[in-house]
Amino acid sequence: MACRVLGISASGFYEWRSRRPSARQVADEQLTAMITQIHERSRGSYGSPRVHAELRLGLDVRCGRKRVERLMRSAGLQGIYRRRRKGCTVRDPAAARTRTW
């Protein structure tokens, strides 16, 4: 019934179910393990640009920045970002006004 609803053949479904993981899936799992280790070593502060730089420069692993972003997103890893400070001065309404000119 499910094969008919999805529009696929039953033999194709059973072949897909018994198929081994692709080379890319295996490589992604290994790279995700390395990314997780780098992220934990940084105490969760590194985002994808720093993790990518660590992979590229520190461990000499060649991969794309967007691939690192995708794998971090799928693993639920996120860097810590600094919040902006408030830029405006809030005046004290009870303060006396003085003229300087």
PDB file of N, CA and C in Angstrom:
ATOM      1  N   MET A   1       0.828  -1.196   0.000  1.00  0.00           N
ATOM      2  CA  MET A   1       0.000   0.000   0.000  1.00  0.00           C
ATOM      3  C   MET A   1       0.875   1.264   0.000  1.00  0.00           C
ATOM      4  N   ALA A   2       1.908   1.271   0.859  1.00  0.00           N
ATOM      5  CA  ALA A   2       2.779   2.449   0.942  1.00  0.00           C
ATOM      6  C   ALA A   2       3.520   2.681  -0.372  1.00  0.00           C
ATOM      7  N   CYS A   3       3.923   1.610  -1.033  1.00  0.00           N
ATOM      8  CA  CYS A   3       4.636   1.747  -2.307  1.00  0.00           C
ATOM      9  C   CYS A   3       3.718   2.352  -3.368  1.00  0.00           C
ATOM     10  N   ARG A   4       2.459   1.948  -3.366  1.00  0.00           N
ATOM     11  CA  ARG A   4       1.510   2.508  -4.328  1.00  0.00           C
ATOM     12  C   ARG A   4       1.276   3.996  -4.068  1.00  0.00           C
ATOM     13  N   VAL A   5       1.168   4.366  -2.791  1.00  0.00           N
ATOM     14  CA  VAL A   5       0.931   5.768  -2.438  1.00  0.00           C
ATOM     15  C   VAL A   5       2.128   6.621  -2.838  1.00  0.00           C
ATOM     16  N   LEU A   6       3.345   6.106  -2.595  1.00  0.00           N
ATOM     17  CA  LEU A   6       4.557   6.853  -2.927  1.00  0.00           C
ATOM     18  C   LEU A   6       4.943   6.764  -4.396  1.00  0.00           C
ATOM     19  N   GLY A   7       4.352   5.842  -5.105  1.00  0.00           N
ATOM     20  CA  GLY A   7       4.632   5.701  -6.534  1.00  0.00           C
ATOM     21  C   GLY A   7       5.954   5.028  -6.824  1.00  0.00           C
ATOM     22  N   ILE A   8       6.338   4.067  -5.998  1.00  0.00           N
ATOM     23  CA  ILE A   8       7.582   3.332  -6.221  1.00  0.00           C
ATOM     24  C   ILE A   8       7.275   1.843  -6.281  1.00  0.00           C
ATOM     25  N   SER A   9       8.211   1.082  -6.832  1.00  0.00           N
ATOM     26  CA  SER A   9       8.006  -0.359  -6.919  1.00  0.00           C
ATOM     27  C   SER A   9       8.399  -1.027  -5.602  1.00  0.00           C
ATOM     28  N   ALA A  10       7.799  -2.160  -5.327  1.00  0.00           N
ATOM     29  CA  ALA A  10       8.100  -2.897  -4.097  1.00  0.00           C
ATOM     30  C   ALA A  10       9.547  -3.400  -4.119  1.00  0.00           C
ATOM     31  N   SER A  11      10.003  -3.846  -5.285  1.00  0.00           N
ATOM     32  CA  SER A  11      11.381  -4.346  -5.372  1.00  0.00           C
ATOM     33  C   SER A  11      12.378  -3.216  -5.137  1.00  0.00           C
ATOM     34  N   GLY A  12      12.064  -2.007  -5.614  1.00  0.00           N
ATOM     35  CA  GLY A  12      12.935  -0.853  -5.382  1.00  0.00           C
ATOM     36  C   GLY A  12      13.001  -0.489  -3.912  1.00  0.00           C
ATOM     37  N   PHE A  13      11.873  -0.599  -3.200  1.00  0.00           N
ATOM     38  CA  PHE A  13      11.851  -0.309  -1.776  1.00  0.00           C
ATOM     39  C   PHE A  13      12.719  -1.291  -1.005  1.00  0.00           C
ATOM     40  N   TYR A  14      12.569  -2.590  -1.301  1.00  0.00           N
ATOM     41  CA  TYR A  14      13.348  -3.593  -0.575  1.00  0.00           C
ATOM     42  C   TYR A  14      14.832  -3.503  -0.916  1.00  0.00           C
ATOM     43  N   GLU A  15      15.152  -3.108  -2.134  1.00  0.00           N
ATOM     44  CA  GLU A  15      16.557  -2.929  -2.513  1.00  0.00           C
ATOM     45  C   GLU A  15      17.138  -1.734  -1.762  1.00  0.00           C
ATOM     46  N   TRP A  16      16.370  -0.646  -1.633  1.00  0.00           N
ATOM     47  CA  TRP A  16      16.823   0.537  -0.915  1.00  0.00           C
ATOM     48  C   TRP A  16      17.024   0.230   0.566  1.00  0.00           C
ATOM     49  N   ARG A  17      16.117  -0.588   1.123  1.00  0.00           N
ATOM     50  CA  ARG A  17      16.187  -0.901   2.544  1.00  0.00           C
ATOM     51  C   ARG A  17      17.427  -1.710   2.884  1.00  0.00           C
ATOM     52  N   SER A  18      17.867  -2.571   1.988  1.00  0.00           N
ATOM     53  CA  SER A  18      19.023  -3.428   2.266  1.00  0.00           C
ATOM     54  C   SER A  18      20.345  -2.833   1.763  1.00  0.00           C
ATOM     55  N   ARG A  19      20.294  -1.654   1.183  1.00  0.00           N
ATOM     56  CA  ARG A  19      21.489  -1.026   0.622  1.00  0.00           C
ATOM     57  C   ARG A  19      22.422  -0.538   1.729  1.00  0.00           C
ATOM     58  N   ARG A  20      23.725  -0.662   1.496  1.00  0.00           N
ATOM     59  CA  ARG A  20      24.721  -0.171   2.447  1.00  0.00           C
ATOM     60  C   ARG A  20      24.819   1.347   2.335  1.00  0.00           C
ATOM     61  N   PRO A  21      25.337   2.017   3.379  1.00  0.00           N
ATOM     62  CA  PRO A  21      25.503   3.473   3.306  1.00  0.00           C
ATOM     63  C   PRO A  21      26.499   3.849   2.218  1.00  0.00           C
ATOM     64  N   SER A  22      26.256   4.980   1.584  1.00  0.00           N
ATOM     65  CA  SER A  22      27.135   5.425   0.507  1.00  0.00           C
ATOM     66  C   SER A  22      28.459   5.927   1.088  1.00  0.00           C
ATOM     67  N   ALA A  23      29.411   6.116   0.202  1.00  0.00           N
ATOM     68  CA  ALA A  23      30.728   6.609   0.628  1.00  0.00           C
ATOM     69  C   ALA A  23      30.610   8.014   1.222  1.00  0.00           C
ATOM     70  N   ARG A  24      29.703   8.813   0.667  1.00  0.00           N
ATOM     71  CA  ARG A  24      29.518  10.168   1.191  1.00  0.00           C
ATOM     72  C   ARG A  24      28.912  10.134   2.584  1.00  0.00           C
ATOM     73  N   GLN A  25      27.962   9.246   2.814  1.00  0.00           N
ATOM     74  CA  GLN A  25      27.369   9.136   4.145  1.00  0.00           C
ATOM     75  C   GLN A  25      28.417   8.725   5.175  1.00  0.00           C
ATOM     76  N   VAL A  26      29.268   7.795   4.815  1.00  0.00           N
ATOM     77  CA  VAL A  26      30.327   7.342   5.728  1.00  0.00           C
ATOM     78  C   VAL A  26      31.299   8.487   6.012  1.00  0.00           C
ATOM     79  N   ALA A  27      31.675   9.218   4.947  1.00  0.00           N
ATOM     80  CA  ALA A  27      32.595  10.352   5.127  1.00  0.00           C
ATOM     81  C   ALA A  27      31.953  11.449   5.969  1.00  0.00           C
ATOM     82  N   ASP A  28      30.651  11.690   5.763  1.00  0.00           N
ATOM     83  CA  ASP A  28      29.955  12.700   6.565  1.00  0.00           C
ATOM     84  C   ASP A  28      29.916  12.307   8.034  1.00  0.00           C
ATOM     85  N   GLU A  29      29.736  11.036   8.329  1.00  0.00           N
ATOM     86  CA  GLU A  29      29.720  10.580   9.720  1.00  0.00           C
ATOM     87  C   GLU A  29      31.079  10.779  10.380  1.00  0.00           C
ATOM     88  N   GLN A  30      32.150  10.477   9.648  1.00  0.00           N
ATOM     89  CA  GLN A  30      33.498  10.677  10.188  1.00  0.00           C
ATOM     90  C   GLN A  30      33.785  12.162  10.406  1.00  0.00           C
ATOM     91  N   LEU A  31      33.385  12.986   9.439  1.00  0.00           N
ATOM     92  CA  LEU A  31      33.606  14.418   9.548  1.00  0.00           C
ATOM     93  C   LEU A  31      32.766  15.010  10.676  1.00  0.00           C
ATOM     94  N   THR A  32      31.559  14.515  10.866  1.00  0.00           N
ATOM     95  CA  THR A  32      30.717  14.983  11.962  1.00  0.00           C
ATOM     96  C   THR A  32      31.350  14.662  13.309  1.00  0.00           C
ATOM     97  N   ALA A  33      31.972  13.507  13.414  1.00  0.00           N
ATOM     98  CA  ALA A  33      32.656  13.153  14.658  1.00  0.00           C
ATOM     99  C   ALA A  33      33.817  14.115  14.931  1.00  0.00           C
ATOM    100  N   MET A  34      34.563  14.479  13.892  1.00  0.00           N
ATOM    101  CA  MET A  34      35.663  15.421  14.054  1.00  0.00           C
ATOM    102  C   MET A  34      35.140  16.807  14.422  1.00  0.00           C
ATOM    103  N   ILE A  35      34.053  17.225  13.778  1.00  0.00           N
ATOM    104  CA  ILE A  35      33.462  18.532  14.055  1.00  0.00           C
ATOM    105  C   ILE A  35      32.969  18.588  15.490  1.00  0.00           C
ATOM    106  N   THR A  36      32.326  17.523  15.951  1.00  0.00           N
ATOM    107  CA  THR A  36      31.823  17.470  17.323  1.00  0.00           C
ATOM    108  C   THR A  36      32.972  17.554  18.315  1.00  0.00           C
ATOM    109  N   GLN A  37      34.070  16.886  18.016  1.00  0.00           N
ATOM    110  CA  GLN A  37      35.232  16.914  18.903  1.00  0.00           C
ATOM    111  C   GLN A  37      35.829  18.332  18.975  1.00  0.00           C
ATOM    112  N   ILE A  38      35.941  19.007  17.842  1.00  0.00           N
ATOM    113  CA  ILE A  38      36.472  20.373  17.815  1.00  0.00           C
ATOM    114  C   ILE A  38      35.538  21.300  18.584  1.00  0.00           C
ATOM    115  N   HIS A  39      34.244  21.129  18.382  1.00  0.00           N
ATOM    116  CA  HIS A  39      33.247  21.977  19.049  1.00  0.00           C
ATOM    117  C   HIS A  39      33.292  21.782  20.562  1.00  0.00           C
ATOM    118  N   GLU A  40      33.455  20.548  21.015  1.00  0.00           N
ATOM    119  CA  GLU A  40      33.536  20.272  22.448  1.00  0.00           C
ATOM    120  C   GLU A  40      34.828  20.821  23.043  1.00  0.00           C
ATOM    121  N   ARG A  41      35.937  20.724  22.282  1.00  0.00           N
ATOM    122  CA  ARG A  41      37.213  21.249  22.761  1.00  0.00           C
ATOM    123  C   ARG A  41      37.173  22.762  22.943  1.00  0.00           C
ATOM    124  N   SER A  42      36.351  23.419  22.136  1.00  0.00           N
ATOM    125  CA  SER A  42      36.221  24.875  22.262  1.00  0.00           C
ATOM    126  C   SER A  42      35.170  25.262  23.298  1.00  0.00           C
ATOM    127  N   ARG A  43      34.691  24.289  24.042  1.00  0.00           N
ATOM    128  CA  ARG A  43      33.644  24.476  25.056  1.00  0.00           C
ATOM    129  C   ARG A  43      32.372  25.044  24.450  1.00  0.00           C
ATOM    130  N   GLY A  44      32.111  24.642  23.203  1.00  0.00           N
ATOM    131  CA  GLY A  44      30.875  25.028  22.531  1.00  0.00           C
ATOM    132  C   GLY A  44      30.854  26.429  21.981  1.00  0.00           C
ATOM    133  N   SER A  45      32.010  27.090  21.941  1.00  0.00           N
ATOM    134  CA  SER A  45      32.019  28.481  21.499  1.00  0.00           C
ATOM    135  C   SER A  45      32.267  28.630  20.001  1.00  0.00           C
ATOM    136  N   TYR A  46      32.882  27.663  19.350  1.00  0.00           N
ATOM    137  CA  TYR A  46      33.206  27.780  17.930  1.00  0.00           C
ATOM    138  C   TYR A  46      31.971  27.563  17.072  1.00  0.00           C
ATOM    139  N   GLY A  47      31.805  28.443  16.101  1.00  0.00           N
ATOM    140  CA  GLY A  47      30.787  28.278  15.079  1.00  0.00           C
ATOM    141  C   GLY A  47      31.403  27.646  13.846  1.00  0.00           C
ATOM    142  N   SER A  48      30.660  27.633  12.755  1.00  0.00           N
ATOM    143  CA  SER A  48      31.144  26.957  11.548  1.00  0.00           C
ATOM    144  C   SER A  48      32.403  27.589  10.945  1.00  0.00           C
ATOM    145  N   PRO A  49      32.591  28.925  10.943  1.00  0.00           N
ATOM    146  CA  PRO A  49      33.827  29.452  10.359  1.00  0.00           C
ATOM    147  C   PRO A  49      35.078  29.003  11.114  1.00  0.00           C
ATOM    148  N   ARG A  50      35.021  29.008  12.440  1.00  0.00           N
ATOM    149  CA  ARG A  50      36.193  28.605  13.211  1.00  0.00           C
ATOM    150  C   ARG A  50      36.408  27.099  13.144  1.00  0.00           C
ATOM    151  N   VAL A  51      35.327  26.339  13.157  1.00  0.00           N
ATOM    152  CA  VAL A  51      35.470  24.886  13.034  1.00  0.00           C
ATOM    153  C   VAL A  51      36.073  24.550  11.678  1.00  0.00           C
ATOM    154  N   HIS A  52      35.618  25.234  10.626  1.00  0.00           N
ATOM    155  CA  HIS A  52      36.164  24.995   9.291  1.00  0.00           C
ATOM    156  C   HIS A  52      37.645  25.357   9.245  1.00  0.00           C
ATOM    157  N   ALA A  53      38.018  26.477   9.881  1.00  0.00           N
ATOM    158  CA  ALA A  53      39.427  26.878   9.909  1.00  0.00           C
ATOM    159  C   ALA A  53      40.266  25.865  10.678  1.00  0.00           C
ATOM    160  N   GLU A  54      39.732  25.344  11.758  1.00  0.00           N
ATOM    161  CA  GLU A  54      40.451  24.327  12.541  1.00  0.00           C
ATOM    162  C   GLU A  54      40.637  23.051  11.738  1.00  0.00           C
ATOM    163  N   LEU A  55      39.617  22.645  11.016  1.00  0.00           N
ATOM    164  CA  LEU A  55      39.736  21.454  10.163  1.00  0.00           C
ATOM    165  C   LEU A  55      40.773  21.681   9.075  1.00  0.00           C
ATOM    166  N   ARG A  56      40.704  22.842   8.459  1.00  0.00           N
ATOM    167  CA  ARG A  56      41.549  23.133   7.309  1.00  0.00           C
ATOM    168  C   ARG A  56      43.007  23.348   7.715  1.00  0.00           C
ATOM    169  N   LEU A  57      43.222  24.186   8.724  1.00  0.00           N
ATOM    170  CA  LEU A  57      44.589  24.556   9.093  1.00  0.00           C
ATOM    171  C   LEU A  57      45.188  23.635  10.149  1.00  0.00           C
ATOM    172  N   GLY A  58      44.398  23.260  11.131  1.00  0.00           N
ATOM    173  CA  GLY A  58      44.925  22.461  12.228  1.00  0.00           C
ATOM    174  C   GLY A  58      45.036  20.984  11.903  1.00  0.00           C
ATOM    175  N   LEU A  59      43.999  20.439  11.261  1.00  0.00           N
ATOM    176  CA  LEU A  59      43.969  18.993  11.003  1.00  0.00           C
ATOM    177  C   LEU A  59      44.226  18.638   9.539  1.00  0.00           C
ATOM    178  N   ASP A  60      44.361  19.647   8.684  1.00  0.00           N
ATOM    179  CA  ASP A  60      44.626  19.454   7.254  1.00  0.00           C
ATOM    180  C   ASP A  60      43.562  18.581   6.587  1.00  0.00           C
ATOM    181  N   VAL A  61      42.304  18.844   6.934  1.00  0.00           N
ATOM    182  CA  VAL A  61      41.176  18.147   6.315  1.00  0.00           C
ATOM    183  C   VAL A  61      40.542  19.106   5.331  1.00  0.00           C
ATOM    184  N   ARG A  62      40.442  18.687   4.080  1.00  0.00           N
ATOM    185  CA  ARG A  62      39.883  19.548   3.054  1.00  0.00           C
ATOM    186  C   ARG A  62      38.392  19.267   2.901  1.00  0.00           C
ATOM    187  N   CYS A  63      37.603  20.289   3.196  1.00  0.00           N
ATOM    188  CA  CYS A  63      36.159  20.205   3.001  1.00  0.00           C
ATOM    189  C   CYS A  63      35.622  21.621   2.873  1.00  0.00           C
ATOM    190  N   GLY A  64      34.430  21.739   2.372  1.00  0.00           N
ATOM    191  CA  GLY A  64      33.829  23.047   2.152  1.00  0.00           C
ATOM    192  C   GLY A  64      33.211  23.620   3.412  1.00  0.00           C
ATOM    193  N   ARG A  65      33.140  24.940   3.460  1.00  0.00           N
ATOM    194  CA  ARG A  65      32.551  25.626   4.610  1.00  0.00           C
ATOM    195  C   ARG A  65      31.069  25.321   4.724  1.00  0.00           C
ATOM    196  N   LYS A  66      30.384  25.258   3.598  1.00  0.00           N
ATOM    197  CA  LYS A  66      28.949  24.982   3.638  1.00  0.00           C
ATOM    198  C   LYS A  66      28.668  23.541   4.065  1.00  0.00           C
ATOM    199  N   ARG A  67      29.578  22.643   3.758  1.00  0.00           N
ATOM    200  CA  ARG A  67      29.423  21.262   4.218  1.00  0.00           C
ATOM    201  C   ARG A  67      29.540  21.202   5.736  1.00  0.00           C
ATOM    202  N   VAL A  68      30.496  21.958   6.280  1.00  0.00           N
ATOM    203  CA  VAL A  68      30.651  22.027   7.733  1.00  0.00           C
ATOM    204  C   VAL A  68      29.393  22.612   8.353  1.00  0.00           C
ATOM    205  N   GLU A  69      28.843  23.660   7.740  1.00  0.00           N
ATOM    206  CA  GLU A  69      27.614  24.269   8.249  1.00  0.00           C
ATOM    207  C   GLU A  69      26.467  23.267   8.244  1.00  0.00           C
ATOM    208  N   ARG A  70      26.334  22.526   7.156  1.00  0.00           N
ATOM    209  CA  ARG A  70      25.250  21.544   7.042  1.00  0.00           C
ATOM    210  C   ARG A  70      25.387  20.454   8.089  1.00  0.00           C
ATOM    211  N   LEU A  71      26.598  19.952   8.284  1.00  0.00           N
ATOM    212  CA  LEU A  71      26.806  18.883   9.257  1.00  0.00           C
ATOM    213  C   LEU A  71      26.612  19.382  10.687  1.00  0.00           C
ATOM    214  N   MET A  72      27.041  20.612  10.960  1.00  0.00           N
ATOM    215  CA  MET A  72      26.822  21.164  12.305  1.00  0.00           C
ATOM    216  C   MET A  72      25.331  21.358  12.565  1.00  0.00           C
ATOM    217  N   ARG A  73      24.608  21.810  11.553  1.00  0.00           N
ATOM    218  CA  ARG A  73      23.175  22.008  11.711  1.00  0.00           C
ATOM    219  C   ARG A  73      22.463  20.680  11.960  1.00  0.00           C
ATOM    220  N   SER A  74      22.862  19.642  11.219  1.00  0.00           N
ATOM    221  CA  SER A  74      22.213  18.341  11.400  1.00  0.00           C
ATOM    222  C   SER A  74      22.586  17.697  12.734  1.00  0.00           C
ATOM    223  N   ALA A  75      23.772  18.042  13.275  1.00  0.00           N
ATOM    224  CA  ALA A  75      24.184  17.501  14.572  1.00  0.00           C
ATOM    225  C   ALA A  75      23.677  18.351  15.733  1.00  0.00           C
ATOM    226  N   GLY A  76      23.074  19.492  15.424  1.00  0.00           N
ATOM    227  CA  GLY A  76      22.548  20.356  16.476  1.00  0.00           C
ATOM    228  C   GLY A  76      23.616  21.171  17.178  1.00  0.00           C
ATOM    229  N   LEU A  77      24.726  21.437  16.488  1.00  0.00           N
ATOM    230  CA  LEU A  77      25.825  22.211  17.079  1.00  0.00           C
ATOM    231  C   LEU A  77      25.712  23.658  16.638  1.00  0.00           C
ATOM    232  N   GLN A  78      25.951  24.572  17.573  1.00  0.00           N
ATOM    233  CA  GLN A  78      25.855  25.986  17.273  1.00  0.00           C
ATOM    234  C   GLN A  78      26.864  26.723  18.135  1.00  0.00           C
ATOM    235  N   GLY A  79      27.524  27.691  17.544  1.00  0.00           N
ATOM    236  CA  GLY A  79      28.499  28.470  18.289  1.00  0.00           C
ATOM    237  C   GLY A  79      27.833  29.517  19.154  1.00  0.00           C
ATOM    238  N   ILE A  80      28.617  30.082  20.063  1.00  0.00           N
ATOM    239  CA  ILE A  80      28.131  31.152  20.918  1.00  0.00           C
ATOM    240  C   ILE A  80      28.439  32.466  20.222  1.00  0.00           C
ATOM    241  N   TYR A  81      27.483  33.354  20.198  1.00  0.00           N
ATOM    242  CA  TYR A  81      27.723  34.653  19.587  1.00  0.00           C
ATOM    243  C   TYR A  81      27.561  35.732  20.638  1.00  0.00           C
ATOM    244  N   ARG A  82      28.331  36.790  20.474  1.00  0.00           N
ATOM    245  CA  ARG A  82      28.281  37.902  21.414  1.00  0.00           C
ATOM    246  C   ARG A  82      27.097  38.785  21.073  1.00  0.00           C
ATOM    247  N   ARG A  83      26.436  39.212  22.090  1.00  0.00           N
ATOM    248  CA  ARG A  83      25.315  40.123  21.875  1.00  0.00           C
ATOM    249  C   ARG A  83      25.843  41.560  21.824  1.00  0.00           C
ATOM    250  N   ARG A  84      25.165  42.379  21.061  1.00  0.00           N
ATOM    251  CA  ARG A  84      25.573  43.769  20.961  1.00  0.00           C
ATOM    252  C   ARG A  84      25.180  44.514  22.227  1.00  0.00           C
ATOM    253  N   ARG A  85      26.010  45.441  22.583  1.00  0.00           N
ATOM    254  CA  ARG A  85      25.689  46.277  23.747  1.00  0.00           C
ATOM    255  C   ARG A  85      24.667  47.318  23.333  1.00  0.00           C
ATOM    256  N   LYS A  86      23.973  47.812  24.304  1.00  0.00           N
ATOM    257  CA  LYS A  86      23.039  48.888  24.011  1.00  0.00           C
ATOM    258  C   LYS A  86      23.841  50.138  23.695  1.00  0.00           C
ATOM    259  N   GLY A  87      23.508  50.781  22.622  1.00  0.00           N
ATOM    260  CA  GLY A  87      24.296  51.915  22.168  1.00  0.00           C
ATOM    261  C   GLY A  87      23.792  53.258  22.630  1.00  0.00           C
ATOM    262  N   CYS A  88      22.619  53.314  23.194  1.00  0.00           N
ATOM    263  CA  CYS A  88      22.040  54.610  23.561  1.00  0.00           C
ATOM    264  C   CYS A  88      22.212  54.870  25.049  1.00  0.00           C
ATOM    265  N   THR A  89      22.427  56.142  25.363  1.00  0.00           N
ATOM    266  CA  THR A  89      22.471  56.559  26.758  1.00  0.00           C
ATOM    267  C   THR A  89      21.056  56.904  27.183  1.00  0.00           C
ATOM    268  N   VAL A  90      20.616  56.347  28.289  1.00  0.00           N
ATOM    269  CA  VAL A  90      19.289  56.660  28.812  1.00  0.00           C
ATOM    270  C   VAL A  90      19.462  57.739  29.865  1.00  0.00           C
ATOM    271  N   ARG A  91      18.831  58.874  29.625  1.00  0.00           N
ATOM    272  CA  ARG A  91      18.972  59.999  30.545  1.00  0.00           C
ATOM    273  C   ARG A  91      18.100  59.800  31.767  1.00  0.00           C
ATOM    274  N   ASP A  92      18.559  60.372  32.841  1.00  0.00           N
ATOM    275  CA  ASP A  92      17.791  60.358  34.081  1.00  0.00           C
ATOM    276  C   ASP A  92      16.761  61.481  34.010  1.00  0.00           C
ATOM    277  N   PRO A  93      15.475  61.171  34.007  1.00  0.00           N
ATOM    278  CA  PRO A  93      14.479  62.225  33.874  1.00  0.00           C
ATOM    279  C   PRO A  93      14.448  63.159  35.096  1.00  0.00           C
ATOM    280  N   ALA A  94      14.961  62.716  36.230  1.00  0.00           N
ATOM    281  CA  ALA A  94      14.941  63.555  37.426  1.00  0.00           C
ATOM    282  C   ALA A  94      16.138  64.505  37.490  1.00  0.00           C
ATOM    283  N   ALA A  95      17.090  64.348  36.597  1.00  0.00           N
ATOM    284  CA  ALA A  95      18.278  65.202  36.639  1.00  0.00           C
ATOM    285  C   ALA A  95      17.935  66.609  36.191  1.00  0.00           C
ATOM    286  N   ALA A  96      18.649  67.582  36.770  1.00  0.00           N
ATOM    287  CA  ALA A  96      18.423  68.993  36.430  1.00  0.00           C
ATOM    288  C   ALA A  96      19.091  69.301  35.095  1.00  0.00           C
ATOM    289  N   ARG A  97      18.406  70.114  34.297  1.00  0.00           N
ATOM    290  CA  ARG A  97      18.978  70.493  33.011  1.00  0.00           C
ATOM    291  C   ARG A  97      19.861  71.709  33.200  1.00  0.00           C
ATOM    292  N   THR A  98      21.021  71.676  32.613  1.00  0.00           N
ATOM    293  CA  THR A  98      21.938  72.816  32.679  1.00  0.00           C
ATOM    294  C   THR A  98      22.323  73.197  31.271  1.00  0.00           C
ATOM    295  N   ARG A  99      22.517  74.487  31.077  1.00  0.00           N
ATOM    296  CA  ARG A  99      22.956  74.956  29.755  1.00  0.00           C
ATOM    297  C   ARG A  99      24.475  75.110  29.772  1.00  0.00           C
ATOM    298  N   THR A 100      25.087  74.669  28.662  1.00  0.00           N
ATOM    299  CA  THR A 100      26.535  74.785  28.565  1.00  0.00           C
ATOM    300  C   THR A 100      26.950  75.928  27.683  1.00  0.00           C
ATOM    301  N   TRP A 101      26.015  76.657  27.087  1.00  0.00           N
ATOM    302  CA  TRP A 101      26.368  77.773  26.199  1.00  0.00           C
ATOM    303  C   TRP A 101      25.819  79.053  26.664  1.00  0.00           C
TER     304      TRP A 101
END
